[in-house]
């Protein structure tokens, strides 16, 4: 792979009316409707007696792409389904996994998911390899799933399985403190409110299962991710506080250690990402990293209108991972 690239040129050209980062971020959620009926669900048990729900699209290919979704997302989100279809069309099997509590059913334990659950990603990868012996696997991650993917590849660099050939991640909050601060700004209040409403529903579901272990008293005082992570994420998952969680689970610090070809794409006009989420220095120190920062794209947007009904991010991901997995 040639030396790390930092691209700011307009490799992505948005539709004229969707140049705004907010419109790019919102449009797919509202207007992109894709059928996920091709999935076949499998539930696997975790070592701590919990479960993960996996959605497969197996077409008899030798190459598998494992897709990790974003915060409060799931395998049925349009950006996951769109990527899965693009991969299937180009000769890939697909495994889109759901984080604990994200598959439509609360998980069994007090612990849930967060930006550092590399143990669950590892379990999914090992399950795929042990079940079907794919000789070539690529990892795809969106937003939080992108951070998780980079964190895993950097932390586990010395032990990454040889079958893992490449990765592509989009709209990555690789500095969690910076992203949390950006989303706490008044201009992003619509996103923050939506995330907190969804997370509150998860807390309520947990309360029904284990009322003695968790509660939502005065939840209305929680206004941002720092409030939420201080109260829930950090203490439940063994971190001192939100700052400790963000520091340990931000993937930016691990990017120089990644040993497989990895594409990182985040748009300059992504409303979720602060300046520290663009890891130009870290990418420059690692020949395995290709960093691209198009001017437009929003957060997990990259909308494109064409006959194939593919978004630019889907075409770019397939193009990249195929560089390293063609026989």
Protein backbone atom coordinates (compact mmCIF):
# COMPACT_ATOMS: atom_id res chain seq x y z
CA UNK A 1 0.00 0.00 0.00
CA UNK A 2 1.34 3.42 -0.86
CA UNK A 3 2.05 6.00 1.80
CA UNK A 4 -0.84 7.39 3.86
CA UNK A 5 -2.89 9.97 1.99
CA UNK A 6 -4.65 13.01 3.37
CA UNK A 7 -7.12 14.13 0.74
CA UNK A 8 -9.19 17.28 0.95
CA UNK A 9 -10.04 17.41 -2.73
CA UNK A 10 -13.65 16.89 -3.74
CA UNK A 11 -13.51 13.16 -4.40
CA UNK A 12 -17.15 13.18 -3.35
CA UNK A 13 -19.47 15.56 -5.23
CA UNK A 14 -22.83 15.98 -3.46
CA UNK A 15 -26.13 16.73 -5.17
CA UNK A 16 -26.51 20.49 -5.51
CA UNK A 17 -29.28 20.76 -2.92
CA UNK A 18 -27.48 18.52 -0.40
CA UNK A 19 -24.22 20.35 0.12
CA UNK A 20 -25.13 21.29 3.69
CA UNK A 21 -23.75 18.94 6.35
CA UNK A 22 -26.99 18.83 8.32
CA UNK A 23 -29.06 18.00 5.24
CA UNK A 24 -26.60 15.26 4.29
CA UNK A 25 -26.86 13.80 7.79
CA UNK A 26 -30.66 13.88 7.98
CA UNK A 27 -31.72 13.04 4.43
CA UNK A 28 -30.87 9.30 4.42
CA UNK A 29 -32.69 8.69 7.71
CA UNK A 30 -35.85 10.32 6.42
CA UNK A 31 -35.97 9.35 2.79
CA UNK A 32 -33.82 6.29 2.08
CA UNK A 33 -35.98 3.20 2.44
CA UNK A 34 -34.31 -0.15 1.82
CA UNK A 35 -35.66 -3.66 2.30
CA UNK A 36 -33.58 -5.81 4.65
CA UNK A 37 -35.56 -8.97 3.97
CA UNK A 38 -32.47 -10.71 2.63
CA UNK A 39 -30.98 -10.98 6.13
CA UNK A 40 -30.98 -14.24 8.05
CA UNK A 41 -30.69 -13.74 11.80
CA UNK A 42 -28.53 -15.78 14.13
CA UNK A 43 -28.23 -15.39 17.89
CA UNK A 44 -24.94 -16.28 19.55
CA UNK A 45 -24.18 -16.54 23.24
CA UNK A 46 -21.44 -14.46 24.81
CA UNK A 47 -18.94 -15.76 27.41
CA UNK A 48 -20.73 -13.76 30.12
CA UNK A 49 -24.08 -15.45 29.35
CA UNK A 50 -25.52 -12.61 27.31
CA UNK A 51 -26.32 -12.68 23.58
CA UNK A 52 -25.60 -10.92 20.29
CA UNK A 53 -27.92 -10.94 17.27
CA UNK A 54 -26.18 -11.25 13.92
CA UNK A 55 -27.78 -10.63 10.54
CA UNK A 56 -26.21 -12.57 7.70
CA UNK A 57 -26.42 -12.23 3.95
CA UNK A 58 -24.55 -15.30 2.70
CA UNK A 59 -24.23 -15.82 -1.04
CA UNK A 60 -21.57 -18.53 -1.12
CA UNK A 61 -18.66 -16.12 -1.51
CA UNK A 62 -15.17 -16.58 -0.08
CA UNK A 63 -15.03 -13.00 1.13
CA UNK A 64 -16.93 -11.69 4.16
CA UNK A 65 -17.52 -8.10 5.24
CA UNK A 66 -18.47 -7.47 8.87
CA UNK A 67 -20.41 -4.23 9.38
CA UNK A 68 -20.54 -2.32 12.68
CA UNK A 69 -23.31 0.27 13.03
CA UNK A 70 -23.40 3.62 14.82
CA UNK A 71 -24.68 4.80 18.20
CA UNK A 72 -28.30 3.73 18.74
CA UNK A 73 -28.26 2.16 15.29
CA UNK A 74 -28.76 -1.43 14.21
CA UNK A 75 -28.30 -3.74 11.25
CA UNK A 76 -31.48 -2.49 9.59
CA UNK A 77 -30.44 1.14 9.31
CA UNK A 78 -30.35 2.34 5.70
CA UNK A 79 -26.60 2.97 5.75
CA UNK A 80 -25.95 -0.63 6.85
CA UNK A 81 -28.44 -2.20 4.44
CA UNK A 82 -27.16 -0.06 1.57
CA UNK A 83 -23.59 -1.13 2.26
CA UNK A 84 -24.64 -4.77 2.58
CA UNK A 85 -26.38 -4.70 -0.80
CA UNK A 86 -23.39 -3.05 -2.47
CA UNK A 87 -21.09 -5.70 -1.03
CA UNK A 88 -23.35 -8.59 -2.04
CA UNK A 89 -23.49 -7.24 -5.59
CA UNK A 90 -19.71 -7.23 -5.73
CA UNK A 91 -19.08 -10.77 -4.53
CA UNK A 92 -19.08 -10.43 -0.74
CA UNK A 93 -20.98 -12.21 1.97
CA UNK A 94 -22.09 -9.86 4.72
CA UNK A 95 -22.47 -10.08 8.48
CA UNK A 96 -24.12 -7.03 10.06
CA UNK A 97 -24.05 -7.42 13.82
CA UNK A 98 -26.17 -5.69 16.43
CA UNK A 99 -24.65 -4.41 19.65
CA UNK A 100 -26.13 -5.55 22.94
CA UNK A 101 -29.66 -4.11 23.30
CA UNK A 102 -29.72 -2.84 19.68
CA UNK A 103 -31.47 -5.74 17.94
CA UNK A 104 -34.97 -4.98 19.19
CA UNK A 105 -34.66 -6.85 22.49
CA UNK A 106 -32.92 -5.74 25.70
CA UNK A 107 -29.81 -7.72 26.54
CA UNK A 108 -29.78 -9.79 29.73
CA UNK A 109 -27.10 -8.00 31.72
CA UNK A 110 -26.70 -4.56 33.22
CA UNK A 111 -23.80 -3.92 30.86
CA UNK A 112 -24.78 -2.73 27.43
CA UNK A 113 -22.66 -1.44 24.55
CA UNK A 114 -20.26 1.48 24.30
CA UNK A 115 -17.35 2.75 22.21
CA UNK A 116 -14.91 0.26 23.70
CA UNK A 117 -16.67 -3.11 23.36
CA UNK A 118 -13.90 -4.67 21.33
CA UNK A 119 -14.54 -7.96 23.11
CA UNK A 120 -17.89 -8.27 21.36
CA UNK A 121 -16.42 -7.37 17.96
CA UNK A 122 -13.70 -9.95 18.54
CA UNK A 123 -16.32 -12.56 19.40
CA UNK A 124 -18.19 -11.82 16.16
CA UNK A 125 -15.03 -12.09 14.07
CA UNK A 126 -14.01 -15.37 15.73
CA UNK A 127 -17.50 -16.78 15.31
CA UNK A 128 -17.47 -16.01 11.59
CA UNK A 129 -14.06 -17.57 11.13
CA UNK A 130 -14.81 -20.67 13.19
CA UNK A 131 -18.21 -21.22 11.57
CA UNK A 132 -17.39 -20.67 7.92
CA UNK A 133 -13.58 -20.41 7.57
CA UNK A 134 -13.61 -17.32 5.34
CA UNK A 135 -10.11 -16.79 3.95
CA UNK A 136 -10.70 -13.05 3.53
CA UNK A 137 -12.55 -10.69 5.86
CA UNK A 138 -12.99 -6.92 5.71
CA UNK A 139 -14.35 -4.70 8.48
CA UNK A 140 -16.72 -1.81 7.76
CA UNK A 141 -17.70 0.69 10.44
CA UNK A 142 -19.94 3.72 10.65
CA UNK A 143 -19.59 6.48 13.26
CA UNK A 144 -19.29 4.69 16.62
CA UNK A 145 -18.80 1.46 14.69
CA UNK A 146 -15.89 3.13 12.92
CA UNK A 147 -14.30 4.11 16.22
CA UNK A 148 -14.82 0.58 17.52
CA UNK A 149 -13.24 -0.89 14.39
CA UNK A 150 -10.15 1.33 14.60
CA UNK A 151 -9.84 0.71 18.34
CA UNK A 152 -9.93 -3.04 17.79
CA UNK A 153 -7.41 -2.99 14.96
CA UNK A 154 -5.03 -0.78 16.92
CA UNK A 155 -5.31 -2.46 20.30
CA UNK A 156 -5.13 -5.96 18.83
CA UNK A 157 -2.57 -5.10 16.14
CA UNK A 158 -0.15 -7.85 17.15
CA UNK A 159 -2.88 -10.50 17.29
CA UNK A 160 -5.16 -9.61 14.37
CA UNK A 161 -6.10 -12.77 12.46
CA UNK A 162 -4.44 -13.18 9.07
CA UNK A 163 -7.85 -13.44 7.41
CA UNK A 164 -8.49 -9.76 8.20
CA UNK A 165 -7.32 -8.05 5.02
CA UNK A 166 -8.71 -4.49 5.06
CA UNK A 167 -11.08 -2.06 6.75
CA UNK A 168 -13.10 1.00 5.75
CA UNK A 169 -14.71 3.37 8.25
CA UNK A 170 -16.84 6.47 7.85
CA UNK A 171 -17.70 9.54 9.94
CA UNK A 172 -15.54 8.43 12.85
CA UNK A 173 -15.61 10.17 16.27
CA UNK A 174 -12.08 8.94 16.94
CA UNK A 175 -11.67 11.56 19.69
CA UNK A 176 -14.72 11.00 21.89
CA UNK A 177 -14.20 14.08 24.01
CA UNK A 178 -14.09 16.29 20.93
CA UNK A 179 -17.16 14.69 19.38
CA UNK A 180 -19.10 14.88 22.65
CA UNK A 181 -18.28 18.58 22.97
CA UNK A 182 -19.36 19.19 19.36
CA UNK A 183 -22.69 17.46 19.84
CA UNK A 184 -23.31 19.41 23.04
CA UNK A 185 -23.33 22.69 21.09
CA UNK A 186 -26.63 24.49 20.59
CA UNK A 187 -26.50 24.03 16.80
CA UNK A 188 -26.62 20.25 17.30
CA UNK A 189 -29.39 20.17 19.88
CA UNK A 190 -31.74 18.22 17.58
CA UNK A 191 -29.27 15.32 17.38
CA UNK A 192 -28.45 15.42 21.08
CA UNK A 193 -32.10 15.37 22.08
CA UNK A 194 -32.80 12.44 19.77
CA UNK A 195 -29.88 10.40 21.09
CA UNK A 196 -30.84 11.04 24.71
CA UNK A 197 -34.48 10.11 24.04
CA UNK A 198 -33.39 6.82 22.49
CA UNK A 199 -30.93 6.09 25.29
CA UNK A 200 -33.61 6.88 27.85
CA UNK A 201 -35.82 4.20 26.31
CA UNK A 202 -32.96 1.72 26.73
CA UNK A 203 -32.64 2.70 30.39
CA UNK A 204 -36.37 2.19 30.90
CA UNK A 205 -36.18 -1.26 29.33
CA UNK A 206 -33.34 -2.19 31.68
CA UNK A 207 -35.33 -0.91 34.66
CA UNK A 208 -38.10 -3.40 33.90
CA UNK A 209 -35.59 -6.25 33.93
CA UNK A 210 -33.48 -5.16 36.90
CA UNK A 211 -35.22 -2.39 38.87
CA UNK A 212 -32.81 -2.70 41.80
CA UNK A 213 -29.74 -2.03 39.65
CA UNK A 214 -30.66 0.97 37.52
CA UNK A 215 -33.10 3.89 37.53
CA UNK A 216 -33.93 7.00 35.54
CA UNK A 217 -34.55 9.37 38.45
CA UNK A 218 -34.13 12.99 37.30
CA UNK A 219 -33.17 11.85 33.80
CA UNK A 220 -34.43 15.21 32.55
CA UNK A 221 -31.31 16.79 34.07
CA UNK A 222 -29.15 14.91 31.56
CA UNK A 223 -28.45 17.32 28.72
CA UNK A 224 -25.45 15.87 26.91
CA UNK A 225 -23.17 12.85 26.59
CA UNK A 226 -20.99 13.91 29.50
CA UNK A 227 -24.00 13.82 31.78
CA UNK A 228 -25.11 10.46 30.41
CA UNK A 229 -21.68 8.85 30.41
CA UNK A 230 -20.91 10.08 33.93
CA UNK A 231 -24.14 8.61 35.26
CA UNK A 232 -24.48 5.41 33.21
CA UNK A 233 -21.76 4.42 30.75
CA UNK A 234 -18.76 4.94 33.00
CA UNK A 235 -19.89 3.33 36.28
CA UNK A 236 -21.69 0.42 34.61
CA UNK A 237 -18.70 -0.48 32.44
CA UNK A 238 -15.83 0.06 34.85
CA UNK A 239 -14.62 3.57 34.00
CA UNK A 240 -13.96 6.30 36.57
CA UNK A 241 -16.07 8.89 34.78
CA UNK A 242 -16.93 10.15 31.31
CA UNK A 243 -13.47 11.62 30.77
CA UNK A 244 -11.83 8.30 31.66
CA UNK A 245 -14.18 6.45 29.30
CA UNK A 246 -13.53 8.87 26.45
CA UNK A 247 -9.78 8.77 26.96
CA UNK A 248 -9.50 4.98 27.00
CA UNK A 249 -11.97 4.29 24.19
CA UNK A 250 -10.96 6.95 21.67
CA UNK A 251 -9.40 5.20 18.70
CA UNK A 252 -7.24 8.12 17.55
CA UNK A 253 -4.36 7.13 19.83
CA UNK A 254 -4.29 3.60 18.32
CA UNK A 255 -4.33 4.55 14.63
CA UNK A 256 -0.51 4.54 14.32
CA UNK A 257 -0.50 0.87 15.41
CA UNK A 258 -2.93 -0.50 12.81
CA UNK A 259 -1.29 -3.11 10.61
CA UNK A 260 -3.86 -3.77 7.87
CA UNK A 261 -4.88 -1.42 5.02
CA UNK A 262 -7.52 0.89 6.45
CA UNK A 263 -9.54 3.66 4.84
CA UNK A 264 -10.83 6.46 7.07
CA UNK A 265 -13.32 8.91 5.57
CA UNK A 266 -14.85 11.81 7.48
CA UNK A 267 -16.39 14.87 5.88
CA UNK A 268 -15.22 18.37 6.75
CA UNK A 269 -18.84 19.43 7.23
CA UNK A 270 -19.74 16.55 9.56
CA UNK A 271 -21.74 18.22 12.38
CA UNK A 272 -20.82 15.44 14.84
CA UNK A 273 -17.05 15.79 14.65
CA UNK A 274 -14.77 18.32 16.31
CA UNK A 275 -11.35 19.22 14.93
CA UNK A 276 -9.60 16.50 16.96
CA UNK A 277 -11.64 13.82 15.14
CA UNK A 278 -9.56 14.27 11.98
CA UNK A 279 -6.41 12.22 12.70
CA UNK A 280 -4.08 13.72 10.12
CA UNK A 281 -0.88 13.36 12.18
CA UNK A 282 -1.62 9.79 13.23
CA UNK A 283 -2.49 8.76 9.67
CA UNK A 284 0.71 10.32 8.36
CA UNK A 285 2.74 8.08 10.68
CA UNK A 286 1.20 4.86 9.38
CA UNK A 287 1.59 3.68 5.81
CA UNK A 288 -1.41 1.38 6.26
CA UNK A 289 -3.82 4.27 6.71
CA UNK A 290 -5.52 6.12 3.90
CA UNK A 291 -7.26 9.19 5.28
CA UNK A 292 -9.72 11.05 3.08
CA UNK A 293 -11.51 14.22 4.17
CA UNK A 294 -13.95 15.34 1.48
CA UNK A 295 -15.45 18.79 1.87
CA UNK A 296 -19.00 17.43 1.95
CA UNK A 297 -20.83 14.37 3.19
CA UNK A 298 -22.24 15.25 6.60
CA UNK A 299 -22.44 12.48 9.17
CA UNK A 300 -22.89 9.06 7.53
CA UNK A 301 -24.35 10.84 4.53
CA UNK A 302 -22.44 10.86 1.22
CA UNK A 303 -25.72 10.80 -0.67
CA UNK A 304 -25.59 10.11 -4.39
CA UNK A 305 -28.34 9.60 -6.94
CA UNK A 306 -27.68 7.01 -9.66
CA UNK A 307 -29.28 4.05 -11.40
CA UNK A 308 -27.68 1.58 -9.04
CA UNK A 309 -29.13 3.47 -6.03
CA UNK A 310 -25.72 3.32 -4.37
CA UNK A 311 -24.29 6.04 -2.16
CA UNK A 312 -20.76 7.26 -2.75
CA UNK A 313 -19.57 5.76 0.55
CA UNK A 314 -20.71 2.30 -0.56
CA UNK A 315 -18.90 2.49 -3.88
CA UNK A 316 -15.77 3.87 -2.22
CA UNK A 317 -15.70 1.17 0.46
CA UNK A 318 -16.05 -1.64 -2.08
CA UNK A 319 -13.40 -0.07 -4.29
CA UNK A 320 -10.96 0.16 -1.41
CA UNK A 321 -11.34 -3.25 0.18
CA UNK A 322 -11.22 -4.97 -3.20
CA UNK A 323 -7.70 -3.60 -3.69
CA UNK A 324 -6.55 -6.02 -0.99
CA UNK A 325 -8.84 -9.00 -1.41
CA UNK A 326 -8.82 -9.83 -5.11
CA UNK A 327 -7.42 -13.26 -5.93
